[in-house]
C-alpha cells in the first residue's frame, strides 16, 4: 500500500472499502481517467495501465515523480519555511506579476508556480516541486485555480509542514513505472481500455445544491453535458466488456440506475472544505456494471482481508 503524495479534494481514502467490495474477481489492466490524488491507484499498486487528468500541471507532477524522483526530492529540500522572507535571487521577491506586494516566501513560490498560466514559461521539474511545496503549505491543502488558470490558494498555518515527502515520492515512482500518464479528455479511455480491463471514474461531482461547487479545482469546469457524456462512455465500455466502477454525488443516482448500472448510496466525509464546520458526511453513489456474483469479495468490507 502506497500513500498518496498530494492532498487532493474529493480523495477516496474513506471510500476504499466500498470500492474494493465492487472489484471484479479478475481484471487485466487498471485505468483511472480522473486521477487527482490517486488514492485508489496507489492503494492497489497496479502493475500497469493508464492514469489521466485534464490538469496539465498535475500530470507534469506525476511524470516527474515517475521519471525523476531523486532530483525532485533534492529540489524540494531546497525550499524554506513559507513564513520566511522571499528569496532575493529569484523573481517575484517584491511584487507578483500584477504588481501586488509579495508578503513572504510562500507567496513568492506561488507566483513562480503561476509562470505557466501567466507567462507561458515553466520548467517541468521546478513546477512539480512547487506544486508539492504549495500543496503542503497552502490553506487546508486545497488546489484551486482562477479563471485564468492561476493557483490562488492563500498560505496555510502549520507548525512544521513536511513538503519533501521523500519516501512517498520514491514509492509512488516505483508504482508508476509501467503506467501511461496522460493529459487528455476522459474519452480517451474508449480507445484505450480493452475487454477485461477495470476502469474507475471519479469525476468532478455534480453539485448537491445551488451553492455547492465541485468544479473549482481547475479553470475548466465539468458541467451537465460532461456528466451525460461520461454516462455514455461508461455504457460504451460496458458494451465492450470492460469492468466499470464510478463514484459521483448522490444526485446522480437515478441517472445511472436508469441506465442499468448497479447503484448504491454511500456516505463520505469531506476532508477538504474551506469551512471546517461543513466537513460532514455527504451522500455519494458508487455505480458499477459488475454484478454481485462477479465481484472479488462479495459482502467483504474490511481492507485487512485484501
C-alpha atoms as a PDB file:
ATOM      1  CA  UNK A   1       0.000   0.000   0.000  1.00  0.00           C
ATOM      2  CA  UNK A   2       1.487   3.325  -1.140  1.00  0.00           C
ATOM      3  CA  UNK A   3       0.364   6.601   0.393  1.00  0.00           C
ATOM      4  CA  UNK A   4      -0.730   9.398  -1.995  1.00  0.00           C
ATOM      5  CA  UNK A   5       1.858  12.155  -2.335  1.00  0.00           C
ATOM      6  CA  UNK A   6      -0.616  15.023  -2.668  1.00  0.00           C
ATOM      7  CA  UNK A   7      -3.573  16.150  -0.624  1.00  0.00           C
ATOM      8  CA  UNK A   8      -6.466  16.414  -3.063  1.00  0.00           C
ATOM      9  CA  UNK A   9     -10.094  17.473  -2.755  1.00  0.00           C
ATOM     10  CA  UNK A  10     -12.506  14.610  -3.360  1.00  0.00           C
ATOM     11  CA  UNK A  11      -9.925  11.977  -2.421  1.00  0.00           C
ATOM     12  CA  UNK A  12     -11.323   8.485  -1.986  1.00  0.00           C
ATOM     13  CA  UNK A  13      -9.464   7.099   1.007  1.00  0.00           C
ATOM     14  CA  UNK A  14     -12.695   6.921   3.007  1.00  0.00           C
ATOM     15  CA  UNK A  15     -14.483   5.016   0.238  1.00  0.00           C
ATOM     16  CA  UNK A  16     -11.789   2.403  -0.381  1.00  0.00           C
ATOM     17  CA  UNK A  17     -13.673  -0.396   1.420  1.00  0.00           C
ATOM     18  CA  UNK A  18     -16.785   0.249  -0.647  1.00  0.00           C
ATOM     19  CA  UNK A  19     -14.832   0.477  -3.901  1.00  0.00           C
ATOM     20  CA  UNK A  20     -12.933  -2.757  -3.252  1.00  0.00           C
ATOM     21  CA  UNK A  21     -16.199  -4.536  -2.456  1.00  0.00           C
ATOM     22  CA  UNK A  22     -17.206  -3.961  -6.096  1.00  0.00           C
ATOM     23  CA  UNK A  23     -13.974  -5.095  -7.746  1.00  0.00           C
ATOM     24  CA  UNK A  24     -14.269  -7.981 -10.218  1.00  0.00           C
ATOM     25  CA  UNK A  25     -12.727 -11.333  -9.355  1.00  0.00           C
ATOM     26  CA  UNK A  26     -10.126 -10.761 -12.059  1.00  0.00           C
ATOM     27  CA  UNK A  27      -9.134  -7.924 -14.358  1.00  0.00           C
ATOM     28  CA  UNK A  28      -6.314  -7.195 -16.799  1.00  0.00           C
ATOM     29  CA  UNK A  29      -5.239  -3.529 -16.717  1.00  0.00           C
ATOM     30  CA  UNK A  30      -6.312  -0.699 -14.409  1.00  0.00           C
ATOM     31  CA  UNK A  31      -7.242   2.759 -15.721  1.00  0.00           C
ATOM     32  CA  UNK A  32      -8.188   5.943 -13.879  1.00  0.00           C
ATOM     33  CA  UNK A  33      -9.268   8.770 -16.242  1.00  0.00           C
ATOM     34  CA  UNK A  34      -9.875  11.333 -13.441  1.00  0.00           C
ATOM     35  CA  UNK A  35      -6.749  10.807 -11.372  1.00  0.00           C
ATOM     36  CA  UNK A  36      -6.460  13.689  -8.900  1.00  0.00           C
ATOM     37  CA  UNK A  37      -4.655  12.441  -5.798  1.00  0.00           C
ATOM     38  CA  UNK A  38      -4.846   8.796  -6.902  1.00  0.00           C
ATOM     39  CA  UNK A  39      -5.824   7.269  -3.546  1.00  0.00           C
ATOM     40  CA  UNK A  40      -7.259   4.092  -5.090  1.00  0.00           C
ATOM     41  CA  UNK A  41      -4.454   3.680  -7.629  1.00  0.00           C
ATOM     42  CA  UNK A  42      -1.717   3.962  -5.038  1.00  0.00           C
ATOM     43  CA  UNK A  43      -3.544   1.672  -2.638  1.00  0.00           C
ATOM     44  CA  UNK A  44      -3.847  -1.201  -5.136  1.00  0.00           C
ATOM     45  CA  UNK A  45      -0.441  -0.578  -6.788  1.00  0.00           C
ATOM     46  CA  UNK A  46      -1.452  -1.811 -10.267  1.00  0.00           C
ATOM     47  CA  UNK A  47       1.222  -3.349 -12.460  1.00  0.00           C
ATOM     48  CA  UNK A  48       0.286  -1.272 -15.490  1.00  0.00           C
ATOM     49  CA  UNK A  49      -2.499   0.641 -17.198  1.00  0.00           C
ATOM     50  CA  UNK A  50      -3.156   4.349 -17.528  1.00  0.00           C
ATOM     51  CA  UNK A  51      -3.931   7.417 -15.476  1.00  0.00           C
ATOM     52  CA  UNK A  52      -5.209  10.718 -16.811  1.00  0.00           C
ATOM     53  CA  UNK A  53      -6.124  14.197 -15.685  1.00  0.00           C
ATOM     54  CA  UNK A  54      -7.065  17.391 -17.528  1.00  0.00           C
ATOM     55  CA  UNK A  55      -4.901  19.468 -15.161  1.00  0.00           C
ATOM     56  CA  UNK A  56      -1.616  19.695 -17.076  1.00  0.00           C
ATOM     57  CA  UNK A  57       0.368  20.768 -14.004  1.00  0.00           C
ATOM     58  CA  UNK A  58      -0.886  17.765 -12.056  1.00  0.00           C
ATOM     59  CA  UNK A  59       0.052  15.474 -14.946  1.00  0.00           C
ATOM     60  CA  UNK A  60       3.517  17.026 -15.113  1.00  0.00           C
ATOM     61  CA  UNK A  61       3.910  16.387 -11.388  1.00  0.00           C
ATOM     62  CA  UNK A  62       3.273  12.655 -11.735  1.00  0.00           C
ATOM     63  CA  UNK A  63       5.569  12.446 -14.748  1.00  0.00           C
ATOM     64  CA  UNK A  64       8.373  13.970 -12.666  1.00  0.00           C
ATOM     65  CA  UNK A  65       7.605  11.636  -9.752  1.00  0.00           C
ATOM     66  CA  UNK A  66       7.823   8.660 -12.102  1.00  0.00           C
ATOM     67  CA  UNK A  67      10.877   9.739 -14.099  1.00  0.00           C
ATOM     68  CA  UNK A  68      12.967  11.952 -11.787  1.00  0.00           C
ATOM     69  CA  UNK A  69      12.170  11.121  -8.162  1.00  0.00           C
ATOM     70  CA  UNK A  70      15.595  11.796  -6.640  1.00  0.00           C
ATOM     71  CA  UNK A  71      16.136  15.078  -8.472  1.00  0.00           C
ATOM     72  CA  UNK A  72      12.643  16.157  -7.400  1.00  0.00           C
ATOM     73  CA  UNK A  73      13.390  15.285  -3.760  1.00  0.00           C
ATOM     74  CA  UNK A  74      16.661  17.229  -3.882  1.00  0.00           C
ATOM     75  CA  UNK A  75      14.852  20.292  -5.203  1.00  0.00           C
ATOM     76  CA  UNK A  76      12.161  20.041  -2.527  1.00  0.00           C
ATOM     77  CA  UNK A  77      14.826  20.050   0.176  1.00  0.00           C
ATOM     78  CA  UNK A  78      15.951  23.489  -1.001  1.00  0.00           C
ATOM     79  CA  UNK A  79      12.667  25.228  -0.134  1.00  0.00           C
ATOM     80  CA  UNK A  80      12.361  27.355   3.002  1.00  0.00           C
ATOM     81  CA  UNK A  81       9.649  27.866   5.584  1.00  0.00           C
ATOM     82  CA  UNK A  82       6.610  29.531   3.986  1.00  0.00           C
ATOM     83  CA  UNK A  83       6.650  32.387   6.514  1.00  0.00           C
ATOM     84  CA  UNK A  84      10.282  33.288   5.838  1.00  0.00           C
ATOM     85  CA  UNK A  85      11.439  36.219   3.720  1.00  0.00           C
ATOM     86  CA  UNK A  86      11.328  35.950  -0.082  1.00  0.00           C
ATOM     87  CA  UNK A  87      14.466  34.820  -1.872  1.00  0.00           C
ATOM     88  CA  UNK A  88      16.029  37.979  -3.384  1.00  0.00           C
ATOM     89  CA  UNK A  89      17.813  35.930  -6.061  1.00  0.00           C
ATOM     90  CA  UNK A  90      14.540  34.710  -7.591  1.00  0.00           C
ATOM     91  CA  UNK A  91      11.766  36.506  -9.478  1.00  0.00           C
ATOM     92  CA  UNK A  92       8.811  37.996  -7.598  1.00  0.00           C
ATOM     93  CA  UNK A  93      10.780  38.730  -4.439  1.00  0.00           C
ATOM     94  CA  UNK A  94       8.975  42.092  -4.060  1.00  0.00           C
ATOM     95  CA  UNK A  95       5.851  42.052  -6.249  1.00  0.00           C
ATOM     96  CA  UNK A  96       3.974  39.475  -8.307  1.00  0.00           C
ATOM     97  CA  UNK A  97       3.085  39.672 -11.990  1.00  0.00           C
ATOM     98  CA  UNK A  98       0.232  42.104 -11.192  1.00  0.00           C
ATOM     99  CA  UNK A  99       2.477  44.356  -9.145  1.00  0.00           C
ATOM    100  CA  UNK A 100       0.992  43.268  -5.822  1.00  0.00           C
ATOM    101  CA  UNK A 101       3.285  43.076  -2.813  1.00  0.00           C
ATOM    102  CA  UNK A 102       4.864  39.712  -2.028  1.00  0.00           C
ATOM    103  CA  UNK A 103       4.432  39.251   1.719  1.00  0.00           C
ATOM    104  CA  UNK A 104       6.621  36.212   2.346  1.00  0.00           C
ATOM    105  CA  UNK A 105       8.357  33.193   0.839  1.00  0.00           C
ATOM    106  CA  UNK A 106       5.101  31.287   0.244  1.00  0.00           C
ATOM    107  CA  UNK A 107       3.637  33.975  -1.989  1.00  0.00           C
ATOM    108  CA  UNK A 108       6.870  34.213  -3.948  1.00  0.00           C
ATOM    109  CA  UNK A 109       6.716  30.487  -4.637  1.00  0.00           C
ATOM    110  CA  UNK A 110       3.055  30.785  -5.599  1.00  0.00           C
ATOM    111  CA  UNK A 111       3.968  33.499  -8.126  1.00  0.00           C
ATOM    112  CA  UNK A 112       6.770  31.326  -9.510  1.00  0.00           C
ATOM    113  CA  UNK A 113       4.358  28.384  -9.812  1.00  0.00           C
ATOM    114  CA  UNK A 114       1.998  30.566 -11.837  1.00  0.00           C
ATOM    115  CA  UNK A 115       4.561  31.334 -14.512  1.00  0.00           C
ATOM    116  CA  UNK A 116       2.969  28.782 -16.821  1.00  0.00           C
ATOM    117  CA  UNK A 117      -0.560  30.273 -16.995  1.00  0.00           C
ATOM    118  CA  UNK A 118       0.571  33.898 -16.903  1.00  0.00           C
ATOM    119  CA  UNK A 119       3.799  33.897 -18.950  1.00  0.00           C
ATOM    120  CA  UNK A 120       3.818  30.528 -20.777  1.00  0.00           C
ATOM    121  CA  UNK A 121       7.239  29.872 -19.241  1.00  0.00           C
ATOM    122  CA  UNK A 122       7.961  26.984 -16.914  1.00  0.00           C
ATOM    123  CA  UNK A 123      10.497  24.337 -16.048  1.00  0.00           C
ATOM    124  CA  UNK A 124       8.779  20.931 -15.621  1.00  0.00           C
ATOM    125  CA  UNK A 125      10.842  19.779 -12.632  1.00  0.00           C
ATOM    126  CA  UNK A 126      10.659  23.164 -10.890  1.00  0.00           C
ATOM    127  CA  UNK A 127       6.907  23.312 -11.422  1.00  0.00           C
ATOM    128  CA  UNK A 128       6.447  19.830  -9.961  1.00  0.00           C
ATOM    129  CA  UNK A 129       8.469  20.739  -6.866  1.00  0.00           C
ATOM    130  CA  UNK A 130       6.486  23.944  -6.433  1.00  0.00           C
ATOM    131  CA  UNK A 131       3.195  22.066  -6.741  1.00  0.00           C
ATOM    132  CA  UNK A 132       4.075  19.759  -3.863  1.00  0.00           C
ATOM    133  CA  UNK A 133       5.528  22.584  -1.769  1.00  0.00           C
ATOM    134  CA  UNK A 134       2.374  24.681  -2.176  1.00  0.00           C
ATOM    135  CA  UNK A 135       0.137  21.662  -1.633  1.00  0.00           C
ATOM    136  CA  UNK A 136       1.757  21.056   1.751  1.00  0.00           C
ATOM    137  CA  UNK A 137       1.901  24.693   2.870  1.00  0.00           C
ATOM    138  CA  UNK A 138      -1.259  26.301   1.449  1.00  0.00           C
ATOM    139  CA  UNK A 139      -4.536  26.738   3.300  1.00  0.00           C
ATOM    140  CA  UNK A 140      -6.117  23.378   4.089  1.00  0.00           C
ATOM    141  CA  UNK A 141      -4.305  21.571   1.280  1.00  0.00           C
ATOM    142  CA  UNK A 142      -6.648  22.987  -1.344  1.00  0.00           C
ATOM    143  CA  UNK A 143      -5.915  23.092  -5.039  1.00  0.00           C
ATOM    144  CA  UNK A 144      -7.909  25.844  -6.713  1.00  0.00           C
ATOM    145  CA  UNK A 145      -7.416  27.826  -9.914  1.00  0.00           C
ATOM    146  CA  UNK A 146      -8.963  31.096 -11.031  1.00  0.00           C
ATOM    147  CA  UNK A 147     -10.457  31.633 -14.471  1.00  0.00           C
ATOM    148  CA  UNK A 148      -7.014  32.304 -15.942  1.00  0.00           C
ATOM    149  CA  UNK A 149      -5.585  29.055 -14.585  1.00  0.00           C
ATOM    150  CA  UNK A 150      -3.642  30.715 -11.773  1.00  0.00           C
ATOM    151  CA  UNK A 151      -3.302  28.884  -8.464  1.00  0.00           C
ATOM    152  CA  UNK A 152      -4.831  31.257  -5.908  1.00  0.00           C
ATOM    153  CA  UNK A 153      -4.971  29.474  -2.532  1.00  0.00           C
ATOM    154  CA  UNK A 154      -3.564  31.544   0.378  1.00  0.00           C
ATOM    155  CA  UNK A 155      -0.901  30.423   2.822  1.00  0.00           C
ATOM    156  CA  UNK A 156      -1.854  27.879   5.472  1.00  0.00           C
ATOM    157  CA  UNK A 157      -0.968  27.683   9.141  1.00  0.00           C
ATOM    158  CA  UNK A 158       1.257  24.719  10.011  1.00  0.00           C
ATOM    159  CA  UNK A 159       3.655  24.228  12.906  1.00  0.00           C
ATOM    160  CA  UNK A 160       6.093  22.041  10.987  1.00  0.00           C
ATOM    161  CA  UNK A 161       4.963  21.310   7.412  1.00  0.00           C
ATOM    162  CA  UNK A 162       6.667  18.453   5.572  1.00  0.00           C
ATOM    163  CA  UNK A 163       6.823  19.292   1.887  1.00  0.00           C
ATOM    164  CA  UNK A 164       9.655  16.932   0.935  1.00  0.00           C
ATOM    165  CA  UNK A 165       7.682  13.654   1.227  1.00  0.00           C
ATOM    166  CA  UNK A 166      10.747  11.706   0.094  1.00  0.00           C
ATOM    167  CA  UNK A 167       9.563   8.170   0.859  1.00  0.00           C
ATOM    168  CA  UNK A 168       6.129   8.739  -0.635  1.00  0.00           C
ATOM    169  CA  UNK A 169       7.714  10.082  -3.820  1.00  0.00           C
ATOM    170  CA  UNK A 170      10.034   7.067  -4.107  1.00  0.00           C
ATOM    171  CA  UNK A 171       7.219   4.589  -3.532  1.00  0.00           C
ATOM    172  CA  UNK A 172       4.888   6.384  -5.936  1.00  0.00           C
ATOM    173  CA  UNK A 173       7.637   6.467  -8.557  1.00  0.00           C
ATOM    174  CA  UNK A 174       8.025   2.706  -8.329  1.00  0.00           C
ATOM    175  CA  UNK A 175       4.294   2.105  -8.795  1.00  0.00           C
ATOM    176  CA  UNK A 176       4.077   4.498 -11.755  1.00  0.00           C
ATOM    177  CA  UNK A 177       6.929   2.943 -13.759  1.00  0.00           C
ATOM    178  CA  UNK A 178       4.747   0.886 -16.136  1.00  0.00           C
ATOM    179  CA  UNK A 179       1.796   3.283 -16.143  1.00  0.00           C
ATOM    180  CA  UNK A 180       0.959   5.588 -19.036  1.00  0.00           C
ATOM    181  CA  UNK A 181       0.343   9.124 -17.769  1.00  0.00           C
ATOM    182  CA  UNK A 182      -1.971  11.173 -19.963  1.00  0.00           C
ATOM    183  CA  UNK A 183      -3.280  14.744 -20.162  1.00  0.00           C
ATOM    184  CA  UNK A 184      -6.432  14.192 -22.211  1.00  0.00           C
ATOM    185  CA  UNK A 185     -10.183  14.342 -22.102  1.00  0.00           C
ATOM    186  CA  UNK A 186     -11.536  11.280 -20.279  1.00  0.00           C
ATOM    187  CA  UNK A 187     -12.974   9.996 -23.563  1.00  0.00           C
ATOM    188  CA  UNK A 188      -9.524   8.620 -24.465  1.00  0.00           C
ATOM    189  CA  UNK A 189     -10.489   5.543 -22.489  1.00  0.00           C
ATOM    190  CA  UNK A 190     -12.901   4.309 -25.169  1.00  0.00           C
ATOM    191  CA  UNK A 191      -9.957   3.589 -27.488  1.00  0.00           C
ATOM    192  CA  UNK A 192      -7.578   2.502 -24.736  1.00  0.00           C
ATOM    193  CA  UNK A 193      -9.447   0.114 -22.420  1.00  0.00           C
ATOM    194  CA  UNK A 194      -9.955  -3.448 -23.577  1.00  0.00           C
ATOM    195  CA  UNK A 195     -12.346  -6.204 -22.584  1.00  0.00           C
ATOM    196  CA  UNK A 196     -11.428  -7.480 -19.139  1.00  0.00           C
ATOM    197  CA  UNK A 197      -9.805  -4.226 -18.011  1.00  0.00           C
ATOM    198  CA  UNK A 198     -11.022  -2.254 -14.980  1.00  0.00           C
ATOM    199  CA  UNK A 199     -11.817   1.468 -15.266  1.00  0.00           C
ATOM    200  CA  UNK A 200     -12.510   3.643 -12.237  1.00  0.00           C
ATOM    201  CA  UNK A 201     -14.170   7.001 -12.895  1.00  0.00           C
ATOM    202  CA  UNK A 202     -14.051   9.668 -10.182  1.00  0.00           C
ATOM    203  CA  UNK A 203     -15.251  12.820 -11.981  1.00  0.00           C
ATOM    204  CA  UNK A 204     -15.759  16.279 -10.502  1.00  0.00           C
ATOM    205  CA  UNK A 205     -19.065  15.875  -8.733  1.00  0.00           C
ATOM    206  CA  UNK A 206     -22.385  17.331  -9.787  1.00  0.00           C
ATOM    207  CA  UNK A 207     -23.268  19.936  -7.102  1.00  0.00           C
ATOM    208  CA  UNK A 208     -25.599  18.749  -4.353  1.00  0.00           C
ATOM    209  CA  UNK A 209     -27.152  22.224  -4.182  1.00  0.00           C
ATOM    210  CA  UNK A 210     -27.077  25.572  -5.938  1.00  0.00           C
ATOM    211  CA  UNK A 211     -24.381  26.812  -3.528  1.00  0.00           C
ATOM    212  CA  UNK A 212     -22.080  23.772  -3.733  1.00  0.00           C
ATOM    213  CA  UNK A 213     -19.464  23.718  -6.464  1.00  0.00           C
ATOM    214  CA  UNK A 214     -17.050  20.864  -7.135  1.00  0.00           C
ATOM    215  CA  UNK A 215     -15.529  22.357 -10.310  1.00  0.00           C
ATOM    216  CA  UNK A 216     -13.241  24.993  -8.798  1.00  0.00           C
ATOM    217  CA  UNK A 217     -10.116  22.834  -8.816  1.00  0.00           C
ATOM    218  CA  UNK A 218      -9.247  23.746 -12.393  1.00  0.00           C
ATOM    219  CA  UNK A 219     -10.068  26.607 -14.705  1.00  0.00           C
ATOM    220  CA  UNK A 220     -12.234  24.288 -16.825  1.00  0.00           C
ATOM    221  CA  UNK A 221     -15.439  23.143 -15.147  1.00  0.00           C
ATOM    222  CA  UNK A 222     -17.283  19.826 -15.500  1.00  0.00           C
ATOM    223  CA  UNK A 223     -20.909  20.522 -16.293  1.00  0.00           C
ATOM    224  CA  UNK A 224     -24.168  18.753 -17.135  1.00  0.00           C
ATOM    225  CA  UNK A 225     -23.122  17.877 -20.681  1.00  0.00           C
ATOM    226  CA  UNK A 226     -19.875  16.352 -19.380  1.00  0.00           C
ATOM    227  CA  UNK A 227     -21.794  14.252 -16.867  1.00  0.00           C
ATOM    228  CA  UNK A 228     -24.093  12.985 -19.622  1.00  0.00           C
ATOM    229  CA  UNK A 229     -21.131  12.245 -21.872  1.00  0.00           C
ATOM    230  CA  UNK A 230     -19.474  10.315 -19.047  1.00  0.00           C
ATOM    231  CA  UNK A 231     -22.559   8.126 -18.684  1.00  0.00           C
ATOM    232  CA  UNK A 232     -22.451   7.425 -22.423  1.00  0.00           C
ATOM    233  CA  UNK A 233     -18.774   6.474 -22.173  1.00  0.00           C
ATOM    234  CA  UNK A 234     -19.466   4.168 -19.224  1.00  0.00           C
ATOM    235  CA  UNK A 235     -22.236   2.467 -21.214  1.00  0.00           C
ATOM    236  CA  UNK A 236     -19.930   2.104 -24.235  1.00  0.00           C
ATOM    237  CA  UNK A 237     -17.253   0.471 -22.085  1.00  0.00           C
ATOM    238  CA  UNK A 238     -19.843  -1.855 -20.594  1.00  0.00           C
ATOM    239  CA  UNK A 239     -20.817  -2.981 -24.100  1.00  0.00           C
ATOM    240  CA  UNK A 240     -17.138  -3.746 -24.816  1.00  0.00           C
ATOM    241  CA  UNK A 241     -16.829  -5.992 -21.766  1.00  0.00           C
ATOM    242  CA  UNK A 242     -14.811  -3.515 -19.701  1.00  0.00           C
ATOM    243  CA  UNK A 243     -15.351  -3.529 -15.929  1.00  0.00           C
ATOM    244  CA  UNK A 244     -16.544  -0.088 -14.793  1.00  0.00           C
ATOM    245  CA  UNK A 245     -16.740   1.409 -11.302  1.00  0.00           C
ATOM    246  CA  UNK A 246     -17.797   5.033 -10.867  1.00  0.00           C
ATOM    247  CA  UNK A 247     -18.279   7.338  -7.888  1.00  0.00           C
ATOM    248  CA  UNK A 248     -20.322  10.522  -8.032  1.00  0.00           C
ATOM    249  CA  UNK A 249     -22.602  12.675  -5.915  1.00  0.00           C
ATOM    250  CA  UNK A 250     -25.897  11.283  -4.666  1.00  0.00           C
ATOM    251  CA  UNK A 251     -27.987  13.362  -7.058  1.00  0.00           C
ATOM    252  CA  UNK A 252     -26.720  11.188  -9.917  1.00  0.00           C
ATOM    253  CA  UNK A 253     -28.371   8.033  -8.541  1.00  0.00           C
ATOM    254  CA  UNK A 254     -31.344   7.827 -10.904  1.00  0.00           C
ATOM    255  CA  UNK A 255     -29.269   8.706 -13.948  1.00  0.00           C
ATOM    256  CA  UNK A 256     -27.069   5.626 -13.539  1.00  0.00           C
ATOM    257  CA  UNK A 257     -29.795   3.344 -12.220  1.00  0.00           C
ATOM    258  CA  UNK A 258     -31.986   4.138 -15.249  1.00  0.00           C
ATOM    259  CA  UNK A 259     -29.024   3.261 -17.488  1.00  0.00           C
ATOM    260  CA  UNK A 260     -28.840  -0.232 -15.963  1.00  0.00           C
ATOM    261  CA  UNK A 261     -25.893   0.145 -13.598  1.00  0.00           C
ATOM    262  CA  UNK A 262     -25.864  -1.322 -10.099  1.00  0.00           C
ATOM    263  CA  UNK A 263     -26.032   1.807  -7.932  1.00  0.00           C
ATOM    264  CA  UNK A 264     -25.805   2.267  -4.165  1.00  0.00           C
ATOM    265  CA  UNK A 265     -25.502   5.311  -1.957  1.00  0.00           C
ATOM    266  CA  UNK A 266     -22.561   5.645   0.385  1.00  0.00           C
ATOM    267  CA  UNK A 267     -21.555   8.261   2.947  1.00  0.00           C
ATOM    268  CA  UNK A 268     -18.210  10.033   2.801  1.00  0.00           C
ATOM    269  CA  UNK A 269     -16.739  12.813   4.905  1.00  0.00           C
ATOM    270  CA  UNK A 270     -15.319  15.778   3.033  1.00  0.00           C
ATOM    271  CA  UNK A 271     -11.828  16.212   4.487  1.00  0.00           C
ATOM    272  CA  UNK A 272     -11.073  19.322   2.431  1.00  0.00           C
ATOM    273  CA  UNK A 273     -13.546  22.166   2.796  1.00  0.00           C
ATOM    274  CA  UNK A 274     -12.925  25.876   3.266  1.00  0.00           C
ATOM    275  CA  UNK A 275     -15.462  25.827   6.115  1.00  0.00           C
ATOM    276  CA  UNK A 276     -14.273  23.457   8.843  1.00  0.00           C
ATOM    277  CA  UNK A 277     -17.804  23.176  10.264  1.00  0.00           C
ATOM    278  CA  UNK A 278     -19.046  21.777   6.947  1.00  0.00           C
ATOM    279  CA  UNK A 279     -16.639  18.841   6.749  1.00  0.00           C
ATOM    280  CA  UNK A 280     -19.510  16.465   7.388  1.00  0.00           C
ATOM    281  CA  UNK A 281     -20.896  13.371   5.709  1.00  0.00           C
ATOM    282  CA  UNK A 282     -22.376  13.771   2.249  1.00  0.00           C
ATOM    283  CA  UNK A 283     -24.181  11.267   0.075  1.00  0.00           C
ATOM    284  CA  UNK A 284     -22.236   9.754  -2.761  1.00  0.00           C
ATOM    285  CA  UNK A 285     -23.073   6.949  -5.142  1.00  0.00           C
ATOM    286  CA  UNK A 286     -20.983   4.102  -6.410  1.00  0.00           C
ATOM    287  CA  UNK A 287     -22.210   2.749  -9.729  1.00  0.00           C
ATOM    288  CA  UNK A 288     -20.844  -0.349 -11.465  1.00  0.00           C
ATOM    289  CA  UNK A 289     -21.601  -2.827 -14.211  1.00  0.00           C
ATOM    290  CA  UNK A 290     -20.058  -5.620 -12.120  1.00  0.00           C
ATOM    291  CA  UNK A 291     -22.780  -7.881 -10.742  1.00  0.00           C
ATOM    292  CA  UNK A 292     -22.660  -9.173  -7.166  1.00  0.00           C
ATOM    293  CA  UNK A 293     -21.745 -12.678  -8.276  1.00  0.00           C
ATOM    294  CA  UNK A 294     -18.833 -11.448 -10.398  1.00  0.00           C
ATOM    295  CA  UNK A 295     -17.211  -9.443  -7.617  1.00  0.00           C
ATOM    296  CA  UNK A 296     -13.958 -10.478  -5.987  1.00  0.00           C
ATOM    297  CA  UNK A 297     -15.228 -10.301  -2.425  1.00  0.00           C
ATOM    298  CA  UNK A 298     -18.983 -10.089  -2.292  1.00  0.00           C
ATOM    299  CA  UNK A 299     -20.013  -8.874   1.159  1.00  0.00           C
ATOM    300  CA  UNK A 300     -16.445  -8.071   2.190  1.00  0.00           C
ATOM    301  CA  UNK A 301     -15.943  -4.703   3.886  1.00  0.00           C
ATOM    302  CA  UNK A 302     -12.516  -4.896   5.511  1.00  0.00           C
ATOM    303  CA  UNK A 303      -9.357  -3.759   3.786  1.00  0.00           C
ATOM    304  CA  UNK A 304      -7.426  -6.018   6.100  1.00  0.00           C
ATOM    305  CA  UNK A 305      -8.610  -9.065   4.148  1.00  0.00           C
ATOM    306  CA  UNK A 306      -7.078  -7.901   0.875  1.00  0.00           C
END
